[in-house]
């Protein structure tokens, strides 16, 4: 059945608004990270202990500015609009086949992590939409994965529900290795005995890297550095607690909904929207090319 263009227009508008908020958040996080020394790491070592043949050192987070509270509010806007995009699409599918629903409150795009919970949604919704639409709904459910918590739609469901009832999401820092510990001192090469990295969530005082080297016989000054990335993480579940990089979450959820809307457009006989008509905040991309606002650090 072919319909006039625009059946899914409100769903596309909600999706675009979510992406626009992502772009704004990306710009804010990038500019915040580059505005000053937001995270200061410090090296501690036993360089003055000349009688110790092993030179030991570690790097820890010494100072960190708090992540702005506004980021959590913006994340709530992202989640609300992306979740609404699916519900608007389901409403459009119901209206196309069945007309305005008698019980509008039951119309939603179901997202479940337990297969048994689909039974109730089948009873309420399946006959209201075309079979192809329902087949799509069934096919994209998180319960098909061995670990449903890692599914983008489950991330969206859980995070958007949390945002409705609790304090806006807190974004936390995470640390990851970019390159090896570098020994750049002139003269005879130094022997690195061991390296240890502790990637993941980091708070003030946490050690992020450590190394032991064979102490040189001479008293030369050592030039040693580490390179690593500082990124932000978002909680995506609590049974068990799970955190994923903000960039990964934003990309995965946005792309999943984009794929669903595109498939539904084909099923419903709708045209895909003109990209230029969807105000997605592209003007912010030059200031924050990655949604996560990852920042590289070089520390001596």
C-alpha atoms as a PDB file:
ATOM      1  CA  UNK A   1       0.000   0.000   0.000  1.00  0.00           C
ATOM      2  CA  UNK A   2       1.580   3.313  -1.070  1.00  0.00           C
ATOM      3  CA  UNK A   3       0.860   6.436   0.927  1.00  0.00           C
ATOM      4  CA  UNK A   4       1.699  10.089   0.603  1.00  0.00           C
ATOM      5  CA  UNK A   5       5.201  11.111   1.728  1.00  0.00           C
ATOM      6  CA  UNK A   6       5.500  12.188   5.321  1.00  0.00           C
ATOM      7  CA  UNK A   7       3.920   9.245   7.165  1.00  0.00           C
ATOM      8  CA  UNK A   8       6.987   9.015   9.389  1.00  0.00           C
ATOM      9  CA  UNK A   9       7.802  12.727   9.394  1.00  0.00           C
ATOM     10  CA  UNK A  10       7.369  13.199  13.149  1.00  0.00           C
ATOM     11  CA  UNK A  11       9.525  10.135  13.835  1.00  0.00           C
ATOM     12  CA  UNK A  12      12.280  11.517  11.629  1.00  0.00           C
ATOM     13  CA  UNK A  13      11.963  14.905  13.330  1.00  0.00           C
ATOM     14  CA  UNK A  14      12.412  13.304  16.753  1.00  0.00           C
ATOM     15  CA  UNK A  15      15.426  11.311  15.537  1.00  0.00           C
ATOM     16  CA  UNK A  16      16.982  14.454  14.082  1.00  0.00           C
ATOM     17  CA  UNK A  17      16.399  16.376  17.302  1.00  0.00           C
ATOM     18  CA  UNK A  18      18.169  13.631  19.253  1.00  0.00           C
ATOM     19  CA  UNK A  19      21.137  13.799  16.885  1.00  0.00           C
ATOM     20  CA  UNK A  20      21.201  17.597  17.217  1.00  0.00           C
ATOM     21  CA  UNK A  21      21.464  17.284  21.004  1.00  0.00           C
ATOM     22  CA  UNK A  22      24.282  14.756  20.493  1.00  0.00           C
ATOM     23  CA  UNK A  23      26.154  17.257  18.355  1.00  0.00           C
ATOM     24  CA  UNK A  24      25.734  19.985  20.960  1.00  0.00           C
ATOM     25  CA  UNK A  25      26.953  17.665  23.712  1.00  0.00           C
ATOM     26  CA  UNK A  26      29.914  16.642  21.567  1.00  0.00           C
ATOM     27  CA  UNK A  27      30.897  20.250  20.994  1.00  0.00           C
ATOM     28  CA  UNK A  28      30.520  21.101  24.668  1.00  0.00           C
ATOM     29  CA  UNK A  29      32.632  18.156  25.809  1.00  0.00           C
ATOM     30  CA  UNK A  30      35.359  18.880  23.263  1.00  0.00           C
ATOM     31  CA  UNK A  31      35.538  22.559  24.131  1.00  0.00           C
ATOM     32  CA  UNK A  32      35.457  21.774  27.849  1.00  0.00           C
ATOM     33  CA  UNK A  33      38.357  19.355  27.508  1.00  0.00           C
ATOM     34  CA  UNK A  34      40.421  21.819  25.477  1.00  0.00           C
ATOM     35  CA  UNK A  35      39.657  24.897  27.598  1.00  0.00           C
ATOM     36  CA  UNK A  36      42.404  24.094  30.089  1.00  0.00           C
ATOM     37  CA  UNK A  37      44.208  21.393  32.022  1.00  0.00           C
ATOM     38  CA  UNK A  38      41.100  19.549  33.174  1.00  0.00           C
ATOM     39  CA  UNK A  39      42.988  16.421  34.207  1.00  0.00           C
ATOM     40  CA  UNK A  40      46.472  16.562  35.700  1.00  0.00           C
ATOM     41  CA  UNK A  41      48.541  13.406  35.979  1.00  0.00           C
ATOM     42  CA  UNK A  42      51.663  13.130  38.128  1.00  0.00           C
ATOM     43  CA  UNK A  43      54.633  10.785  37.998  1.00  0.00           C
ATOM     44  CA  UNK A  44      56.132   9.346  41.180  1.00  0.00           C
ATOM     45  CA  UNK A  45      59.431   7.443  41.172  1.00  0.00           C
ATOM     46  CA  UNK A  46      62.425   6.383  43.225  1.00  0.00           C
ATOM     47  CA  UNK A  47      64.940   8.265  41.079  1.00  0.00           C
ATOM     48  CA  UNK A  48      66.773   9.593  44.156  1.00  0.00           C
ATOM     49  CA  UNK A  49      67.331   6.110  45.607  1.00  0.00           C
ATOM     50  CA  UNK A  50      70.685   5.516  43.919  1.00  0.00           C
ATOM     51  CA  UNK A  51      71.322   2.241  45.758  1.00  0.00           C
ATOM     52  CA  UNK A  52      68.281   0.577  44.185  1.00  0.00           C
ATOM     53  CA  UNK A  53      69.219  -1.138  40.925  1.00  0.00           C
ATOM     54  CA  UNK A  54      65.607  -1.002  39.738  1.00  0.00           C
ATOM     55  CA  UNK A  55      64.020   2.292  38.815  1.00  0.00           C
ATOM     56  CA  UNK A  56      60.328   2.207  39.729  1.00  0.00           C
ATOM     57  CA  UNK A  57      57.697   4.739  38.679  1.00  0.00           C
ATOM     58  CA  UNK A  58      53.972   5.186  38.282  1.00  0.00           C
ATOM     59  CA  UNK A  59      51.551   7.800  36.972  1.00  0.00           C
ATOM     60  CA  UNK A  60      48.344   8.693  38.804  1.00  0.00           C
ATOM     61  CA  UNK A  61      45.494  11.143  38.333  1.00  0.00           C
ATOM     62  CA  UNK A  62      46.368  14.048  40.615  1.00  0.00           C
ATOM     63  CA  UNK A  63      43.592  16.547  39.813  1.00  0.00           C
ATOM     64  CA  UNK A  64      40.343  16.408  37.842  1.00  0.00           C
ATOM     65  CA  UNK A  65      37.668  19.022  37.279  1.00  0.00           C
ATOM     66  CA  UNK A  66      34.095  17.738  37.792  1.00  0.00           C
ATOM     67  CA  UNK A  67      32.168  16.850  34.659  1.00  0.00           C
ATOM     68  CA  UNK A  68      29.560  19.597  34.049  1.00  0.00           C
ATOM     69  CA  UNK A  69      26.084  18.748  35.354  1.00  0.00           C
ATOM     70  CA  UNK A  70      24.550  20.117  32.152  1.00  0.00           C
ATOM     71  CA  UNK A  71      25.919  17.141  30.222  1.00  0.00           C
ATOM     72  CA  UNK A  72      23.496  14.853  32.037  1.00  0.00           C
ATOM     73  CA  UNK A  73      20.569  17.085  31.131  1.00  0.00           C
ATOM     74  CA  UNK A  74      21.598  17.100  27.469  1.00  0.00           C
ATOM     75  CA  UNK A  75      21.905  13.316  27.514  1.00  0.00           C
ATOM     76  CA  UNK A  76      18.358  13.140  28.801  1.00  0.00           C
ATOM     77  CA  UNK A  77      17.243  15.217  25.810  1.00  0.00           C
ATOM     78  CA  UNK A  78      19.078  12.851  23.456  1.00  0.00           C
ATOM     79  CA  UNK A  79      17.508   9.753  24.992  1.00  0.00           C
ATOM     80  CA  UNK A  80      13.993  11.192  25.166  1.00  0.00           C
ATOM     81  CA  UNK A  81      13.961  12.167  21.504  1.00  0.00           C
ATOM     82  CA  UNK A  82      15.478   8.941  20.222  1.00  0.00           C
ATOM     83  CA  UNK A  83      13.021   6.847  22.240  1.00  0.00           C
ATOM     84  CA  UNK A  84      10.152   9.019  21.007  1.00  0.00           C
ATOM     85  CA  UNK A  85      11.242   8.490  17.396  1.00  0.00           C
ATOM     86  CA  UNK A  86      10.423   4.789  17.711  1.00  0.00           C
ATOM     87  CA  UNK A  87       7.088   5.425  19.412  1.00  0.00           C
ATOM     88  CA  UNK A  88       6.091   7.975  16.765  1.00  0.00           C
ATOM     89  CA  UNK A  89       6.957   5.437  14.080  1.00  0.00           C
ATOM     90  CA  UNK A  90       4.782   2.801  15.749  1.00  0.00           C
ATOM     91  CA  UNK A  91       1.902   5.269  15.981  1.00  0.00           C
ATOM     92  CA  UNK A  92       2.200   5.975  12.262  1.00  0.00           C
ATOM     93  CA  UNK A  93       2.188   2.248  11.466  1.00  0.00           C
ATOM     94  CA  UNK A  94      -0.930   1.697  13.580  1.00  0.00           C
ATOM     95  CA  UNK A  95      -2.787   4.622  12.030  1.00  0.00           C
ATOM     96  CA  UNK A  96      -1.955   3.491   8.509  1.00  0.00           C
ATOM     97  CA  UNK A  97      -3.488   0.021   8.945  1.00  0.00           C
ATOM     98  CA  UNK A  98      -6.077   0.459  11.685  1.00  0.00           C
ATOM     99  CA  UNK A  99      -6.773   4.177  11.924  1.00  0.00           C
ATOM    100  CA  UNK A 100      -6.586   6.166  15.174  1.00  0.00           C
ATOM    101  CA  UNK A 101      -6.261   3.595  17.991  1.00  0.00           C
ATOM    102  CA  UNK A 102      -9.099   3.049  20.463  1.00  0.00           C
ATOM    103  CA  UNK A 103      -6.520   2.726  23.259  1.00  0.00           C
ATOM    104  CA  UNK A 104      -3.808   5.226  22.306  1.00  0.00           C
ATOM    105  CA  UNK A 105      -1.960   4.680  25.575  1.00  0.00           C
ATOM    106  CA  UNK A 106      -0.923   1.155  24.550  1.00  0.00           C
ATOM    107  CA  UNK A 107       0.716   2.240  21.302  1.00  0.00           C
ATOM    108  CA  UNK A 108       4.495   2.171  21.658  1.00  0.00           C
ATOM    109  CA  UNK A 109       7.484   0.505  20.082  1.00  0.00           C
ATOM    110  CA  UNK A 110       8.171  -2.339  22.524  1.00  0.00           C
ATOM    111  CA  UNK A 111      11.711  -3.028  23.661  1.00  0.00           C
ATOM    112  CA  UNK A 112      12.194  -6.134  25.820  1.00  0.00           C
ATOM    113  CA  UNK A 113      15.195  -8.065  27.067  1.00  0.00           C
ATOM    114  CA  UNK A 114      13.190 -11.143  28.139  1.00  0.00           C
ATOM    115  CA  UNK A 115      11.437 -13.054  25.348  1.00  0.00           C
ATOM    116  CA  UNK A 116       8.478 -13.931  27.565  1.00  0.00           C
ATOM    117  CA  UNK A 117       7.538 -10.268  27.916  1.00  0.00           C
ATOM    118  CA  UNK A 118       6.715 -10.018  24.205  1.00  0.00           C
ATOM    119  CA  UNK A 119       3.519 -12.006  24.795  1.00  0.00           C
ATOM    120  CA  UNK A 120       1.645  -9.027  26.211  1.00  0.00           C
ATOM    121  CA  UNK A 121       2.794  -6.710  23.425  1.00  0.00           C
ATOM    122  CA  UNK A 122       1.698  -9.228  20.788  1.00  0.00           C
ATOM    123  CA  UNK A 123      -1.762  -9.278  22.299  1.00  0.00           C
ATOM    124  CA  UNK A 124      -2.058  -5.474  22.355  1.00  0.00           C
ATOM    125  CA  UNK A 125      -0.228  -4.404  19.224  1.00  0.00           C
ATOM    126  CA  UNK A 126       0.376  -7.127  16.654  1.00  0.00           C
ATOM    127  CA  UNK A 127      -3.008  -6.942  14.918  1.00  0.00           C
ATOM    128  CA  UNK A 128      -2.897  -3.132  14.809  1.00  0.00           C
ATOM    129  CA  UNK A 129      -0.001  -3.023  12.341  1.00  0.00           C
ATOM    130  CA  UNK A 130       0.931  -4.730   9.087  1.00  0.00           C
ATOM    131  CA  UNK A 131       2.585  -8.129   9.522  1.00  0.00           C
ATOM    132  CA  UNK A 132       5.833  -6.826   7.993  1.00  0.00           C
ATOM    133  CA  UNK A 133       5.943  -4.095  10.609  1.00  0.00           C
ATOM    134  CA  UNK A 134       5.454  -6.570  13.414  1.00  0.00           C
ATOM    135  CA  UNK A 135       8.077  -8.893  11.962  1.00  0.00           C
ATOM    136  CA  UNK A 136      10.540  -5.992  12.140  1.00  0.00           C
ATOM    137  CA  UNK A 137       9.576  -5.230  15.729  1.00  0.00           C
ATOM    138  CA  UNK A 138      10.179  -8.853  16.690  1.00  0.00           C
ATOM    139  CA  UNK A 139      13.455  -9.069  14.788  1.00  0.00           C
ATOM    140  CA  UNK A 140      15.166  -6.125  16.508  1.00  0.00           C
ATOM    141  CA  UNK A 141      14.438  -7.117  20.108  1.00  0.00           C
ATOM    142  CA  UNK A 142      17.369  -7.259  22.558  1.00  0.00           C
ATOM    143  CA  UNK A 143      16.307 -10.688  23.886  1.00  0.00           C
ATOM    144  CA  UNK A 144      17.771 -12.285  20.743  1.00  0.00           C
ATOM    145  CA  UNK A 145      21.290 -11.570  22.029  1.00  0.00           C
ATOM    146  CA  UNK A 146      23.075 -13.752  24.571  1.00  0.00           C
ATOM    147  CA  UNK A 147      23.749 -10.519  26.467  1.00  0.00           C
ATOM    148  CA  UNK A 148      20.674  -8.311  25.880  1.00  0.00           C
ATOM    149  CA  UNK A 149      22.173  -5.520  27.972  1.00  0.00           C
ATOM    150  CA  UNK A 150      24.661  -4.834  25.177  1.00  0.00           C
ATOM    151  CA  UNK A 151      21.933  -4.283  22.570  1.00  0.00           C
ATOM    152  CA  UNK A 152      21.566  -0.612  21.488  1.00  0.00           C
ATOM    153  CA  UNK A 153      17.794  -0.689  21.998  1.00  0.00           C
ATOM    154  CA  UNK A 154      18.156  -2.092  25.509  1.00  0.00           C
ATOM    155  CA  UNK A 155      20.669   0.652  26.241  1.00  0.00           C
ATOM    156  CA  UNK A 156      18.112   3.188  25.040  1.00  0.00           C
ATOM    157  CA  UNK A 157      15.253   1.615  26.996  1.00  0.00           C
ATOM    158  CA  UNK A 158      17.160   1.384  30.261  1.00  0.00           C
ATOM    159  CA  UNK A 159      18.873   4.757  30.052  1.00  0.00           C
ATOM    160  CA  UNK A 160      15.752   6.673  28.987  1.00  0.00           C
ATOM    161  CA  UNK A 161      13.719   5.091  31.804  1.00  0.00           C
ATOM    162  CA  UNK A 162      16.395   6.011  34.329  1.00  0.00           C
ATOM    163  CA  UNK A 163      16.388   9.565  33.016  1.00  0.00           C
ATOM    164  CA  UNK A 164      12.619   9.855  33.591  1.00  0.00           C
ATOM    165  CA  UNK A 165      12.761   8.928  37.259  1.00  0.00           C
ATOM    166  CA  UNK A 166      16.213   9.721  38.608  1.00  0.00           C
ATOM    167  CA  UNK A 167      18.859  12.392  38.502  1.00  0.00           C
ATOM    168  CA  UNK A 168      20.181  12.991  34.972  1.00  0.00           C
ATOM    169  CA  UNK A 169      22.922  10.652  33.866  1.00  0.00           C
ATOM    170  CA  UNK A 170      26.396  11.248  35.178  1.00  0.00           C
ATOM    171  CA  UNK A 171      29.213  10.859  32.673  1.00  0.00           C
ATOM    172  CA  UNK A 172      32.438   9.559  34.164  1.00  0.00           C
ATOM    173  CA  UNK A 173      36.062   9.559  33.046  1.00  0.00           C
ATOM    174  CA  UNK A 174      37.782   6.563  31.560  1.00  0.00           C
ATOM    175  CA  UNK A 175      41.383   6.069  30.576  1.00  0.00           C
ATOM    176  CA  UNK A 176      42.798   3.923  27.777  1.00  0.00           C
ATOM    177  CA  UNK A 177      46.262   3.144  26.496  1.00  0.00           C
ATOM    178  CA  UNK A 178      47.328   4.688  23.200  1.00  0.00           C
ATOM    179  CA  UNK A 179      51.009   3.777  23.034  1.00  0.00           C
ATOM    180  CA  UNK A 180      53.822   2.181  25.037  1.00  0.00           C
ATOM    181  CA  UNK A 181      55.888   3.862  27.720  1.00  0.00           C
ATOM    182  CA  UNK A 182      58.579   5.771  25.858  1.00  0.00           C
ATOM    183  CA  UNK A 183      62.157   6.098  27.050  1.00  0.00           C
ATOM    184  CA  UNK A 184      63.678   8.966  25.078  1.00  0.00           C
ATOM    185  CA  UNK A 185      66.926   9.513  27.011  1.00  0.00           C
ATOM    186  CA  UNK A 186      70.117   9.841  25.012  1.00  0.00           C
ATOM    187  CA  UNK A 187      72.961   7.389  25.450  1.00  0.00           C
ATOM    188  CA  UNK A 188      72.867   3.666  26.076  1.00  0.00           C
ATOM    189  CA  UNK A 189      69.287   2.330  25.693  1.00  0.00           C
ATOM    190  CA  UNK A 190      67.589   1.641  29.007  1.00  0.00           C
ATOM    191  CA  UNK A 191      66.177  -1.787  29.745  1.00  0.00           C
ATOM    192  CA  UNK A 192      62.441  -1.733  30.506  1.00  0.00           C
ATOM    193  CA  UNK A 193      61.759  -4.605  32.897  1.00  0.00           C
ATOM    194  CA  UNK A 194      57.979  -4.301  33.114  1.00  0.00           C
ATOM    195  CA  UNK A 195      55.001  -2.143  32.129  1.00  0.00           C
ATOM    196  CA  UNK A 196      51.575  -2.124  33.725  1.00  0.00           C
ATOM    197  CA  UNK A 197      48.449  -0.340  32.476  1.00  0.00           C
ATOM    198  CA  UNK A 198      45.145   0.086  34.250  1.00  0.00           C
ATOM    199  CA  UNK A 199      42.626   1.193  31.582  1.00  0.00           C
ATOM    200  CA  UNK A 200      39.048   1.970  32.502  1.00  0.00           C
ATOM    201  CA  UNK A 201      37.323   4.195  35.025  1.00  0.00           C
ATOM    202  CA  UNK A 202      39.674   6.548  36.829  1.00  0.00           C
ATOM    203  CA  UNK A 203      39.259   8.774  39.881  1.00  0.00           C
ATOM    204  CA  UNK A 204      41.689  11.150  41.570  1.00  0.00           C
ATOM    205  CA  UNK A 205      44.495   9.110  43.122  1.00  0.00           C
ATOM    206  CA  UNK A 206      44.129   6.112  40.818  1.00  0.00           C
ATOM    207  CA  UNK A 207      47.280   4.782  39.161  1.00  0.00           C
ATOM    208  CA  UNK A 208      46.932   4.559  35.392  1.00  0.00           C
ATOM    209  CA  UNK A 209      50.364   3.188  34.474  1.00  0.00           C
ATOM    210  CA  UNK A 210      53.524   1.869  36.108  1.00  0.00           C
ATOM    211  CA  UNK A 211      56.941   0.744  34.934  1.00  0.00           C
ATOM    212  CA  UNK A 212      60.212  -0.657  36.188  1.00  0.00           C
ATOM    213  CA  UNK A 213      63.542  -0.113  34.424  1.00  0.00           C
ATOM    214  CA  UNK A 214      67.134  -1.153  34.977  1.00  0.00           C
ATOM    215  CA  UNK A 215      68.756   1.893  36.563  1.00  0.00           C
ATOM    216  CA  UNK A 216      71.555   3.280  34.363  1.00  0.00           C
ATOM    217  CA  UNK A 217      75.071   3.256  35.782  1.00  0.00           C
ATOM    218  CA  UNK A 218      75.577   6.943  35.139  1.00  0.00           C
ATOM    219  CA  UNK A 219      73.628   9.757  36.767  1.00  0.00           C
ATOM    220  CA  UNK A 220      72.001  11.050  33.592  1.00  0.00           C
ATOM    221  CA  UNK A 221      68.579  12.639  33.632  1.00  0.00           C
ATOM    222  CA  UNK A 222      65.869  10.329  32.310  1.00  0.00           C
ATOM    223  CA  UNK A 223      63.314  11.392  29.719  1.00  0.00           C
ATOM    224  CA  UNK A 224      60.322   9.044  30.037  1.00  0.00           C
ATOM    225  CA  UNK A 225      56.766   9.636  28.880  1.00  0.00           C
ATOM    226  CA  UNK A 226      53.439   7.888  28.382  1.00  0.00           C
ATOM    227  CA  UNK A 227      50.706   8.639  25.863  1.00  0.00           C
ATOM    228  CA  UNK A 228      47.063   7.802  26.540  1.00  0.00           C
ATOM    229  CA  UNK A 229      43.516   8.870  25.802  1.00  0.00           C
ATOM    230  CA  UNK A 230      40.978  10.262  28.216  1.00  0.00           C
ATOM    231  CA  UNK A 231      37.384   9.591  27.236  1.00  0.00           C
ATOM    232  CA  UNK A 232      33.954   9.672  28.836  1.00  0.00           C
ATOM    233  CA  UNK A 233      31.695   6.751  29.708  1.00  0.00           C
ATOM    234  CA  UNK A 234      27.948   6.388  30.238  1.00  0.00           C
ATOM    235  CA  UNK A 235      26.223   3.780  32.378  1.00  0.00           C
ATOM    236  CA  UNK A 236      24.070   1.514  30.187  1.00  0.00           C
ATOM    237  CA  UNK A 237      22.800  -1.021  32.725  1.00  0.00           C
ATOM    238  CA  UNK A 238      22.878  -2.046  36.371  1.00  0.00           C
ATOM    239  CA  UNK A 239      22.249  -5.820  36.405  1.00  0.00           C
ATOM    240  CA  UNK A 240      25.210  -6.043  36.384  1.00  0.00           C
ATOM    241  CA  UNK A 241      26.499  -2.442  36.272  1.00  0.00           C
ATOM    242  CA  UNK A 242      27.882  -1.706  32.811  1.00  0.00           C
ATOM    243  CA  UNK A 243      29.628   1.339  31.406  1.00  0.00           C
ATOM    244  CA  UNK A 244      30.404   2.021  27.747  1.00  0.00           C
ATOM    245  CA  UNK A 245      32.192   4.900  26.066  1.00  0.00           C
ATOM    246  CA  UNK A 246      29.824   7.767  25.376  1.00  0.00           C
ATOM    247  CA  UNK A 247      30.897   7.880  21.717  1.00  0.00           C
ATOM    248  CA  UNK A 248      30.099   4.186  21.254  1.00  0.00           C
ATOM    249  CA  UNK A 249      26.693   4.502  22.920  1.00  0.00           C
ATOM    250  CA  UNK A 250      25.654   7.525  20.877  1.00  0.00           C
ATOM    251  CA  UNK A 251      26.716   5.997  17.573  1.00  0.00           C
ATOM    252  CA  UNK A 252      25.186   2.567  18.229  1.00  0.00           C
ATOM    253  CA  UNK A 253      21.788   3.833  19.386  1.00  0.00           C
ATOM    254  CA  UNK A 254      21.484   6.481  16.675  1.00  0.00           C
ATOM    255  CA  UNK A 255      22.440   4.060  13.909  1.00  0.00           C
ATOM    256  CA  UNK A 256      20.040   1.384  15.182  1.00  0.00           C
ATOM    257  CA  UNK A 257      17.082   3.764  15.145  1.00  0.00           C
ATOM    258  CA  UNK A 258      18.106   5.120  11.753  1.00  0.00           C
ATOM    259  CA  UNK A 259      18.063   1.578  10.371  1.00  0.00           C
ATOM    260  CA  UNK A 260      14.641   0.857  11.877  1.00  0.00           C
ATOM    261  CA  UNK A 261      13.098   4.068  10.529  1.00  0.00           C
ATOM    262  CA  UNK A 262      14.582   3.435   7.099  1.00  0.00           C
ATOM    263  CA  UNK A 263      13.163  -0.093   7.000  1.00  0.00           C
ATOM    264  CA  UNK A 264       9.759   1.079   8.219  1.00  0.00           C
ATOM    265  CA  UNK A 265       9.687   3.758   5.534  1.00  0.00           C
ATOM    266  CA  UNK A 266      10.014   1.035   2.910  1.00  0.00           C
ATOM    267  CA  UNK A 267       7.304  -1.093   4.516  1.00  0.00           C
ATOM    268  CA  UNK A 268       4.868   1.806   4.873  1.00  0.00           C
ATOM    269  CA  UNK A 269       5.521   3.138   1.385  1.00  0.00           C
ATOM    270  CA  UNK A 270       6.940   6.369   2.720  1.00  0.00           C
ATOM    271  CA  UNK A 271       9.762   8.374   1.179  1.00  0.00           C
ATOM    272  CA  UNK A 272      13.005   8.929   3.010  1.00  0.00           C
ATOM    273  CA  UNK A 273      13.304  12.532   4.183  1.00  0.00           C
ATOM    274  CA  UNK A 274      15.503  15.098   2.547  1.00  0.00           C
ATOM    275  CA  UNK A 275      18.651  15.182   4.677  1.00  0.00           C
ATOM    276  CA  UNK A 276      18.816  18.973   4.509  1.00  0.00           C
ATOM    277  CA  UNK A 277      15.335  19.191   6.016  1.00  0.00           C
ATOM    278  CA  UNK A 278      16.458  17.356   9.162  1.00  0.00           C
ATOM    279  CA  UNK A 279      18.195  19.924  11.336  1.00  0.00           C
ATOM    280  CA  UNK A 280      20.727  17.650  13.012  1.00  0.00           C
ATOM    281  CA  UNK A 281      23.119  20.328  14.286  1.00  0.00           C
ATOM    282  CA  UNK A 282      25.792  19.572  11.711  1.00  0.00           C
ATOM    283  CA  UNK A 283      27.275  23.026  12.311  1.00  0.00           C
ATOM    284  CA  UNK A 284      28.645  21.744  15.626  1.00  0.00           C
ATOM    285  CA  UNK A 285      30.538  18.832  14.054  1.00  0.00           C
ATOM    286  CA  UNK A 286      33.619  20.902  13.204  1.00  0.00           C
ATOM    287  CA  UNK A 287      34.056  21.661  16.892  1.00  0.00           C
ATOM    288  CA  UNK A 288      33.516  18.080  18.044  1.00  0.00           C
ATOM    289  CA  UNK A 289      34.104  15.432  15.381  1.00  0.00           C
ATOM    290  CA  UNK A 290      33.543  12.632  17.905  1.00  0.00           C
ATOM    291  CA  UNK A 291      30.410  12.450  20.025  1.00  0.00           C
ATOM    292  CA  UNK A 292      32.473  11.302  23.009  1.00  0.00           C
ATOM    293  CA  UNK A 293      34.891  14.228  23.124  1.00  0.00           C
ATOM    294  CA  UNK A 294      37.949  12.009  23.554  1.00  0.00           C
ATOM    295  CA  UNK A 295      41.152  13.863  24.382  1.00  0.00           C
ATOM    296  CA  UNK A 296      44.736  12.654  23.969  1.00  0.00           C
ATOM    297  CA  UNK A 297      47.217  13.317  26.776  1.00  0.00           C
ATOM    298  CA  UNK A 298      50.993  13.279  26.692  1.00  0.00           C
ATOM    299  CA  UNK A 299      52.541  13.068  30.162  1.00  0.00           C
ATOM    300  CA  UNK A 300      56.194  13.111  31.185  1.00  0.00           C
END
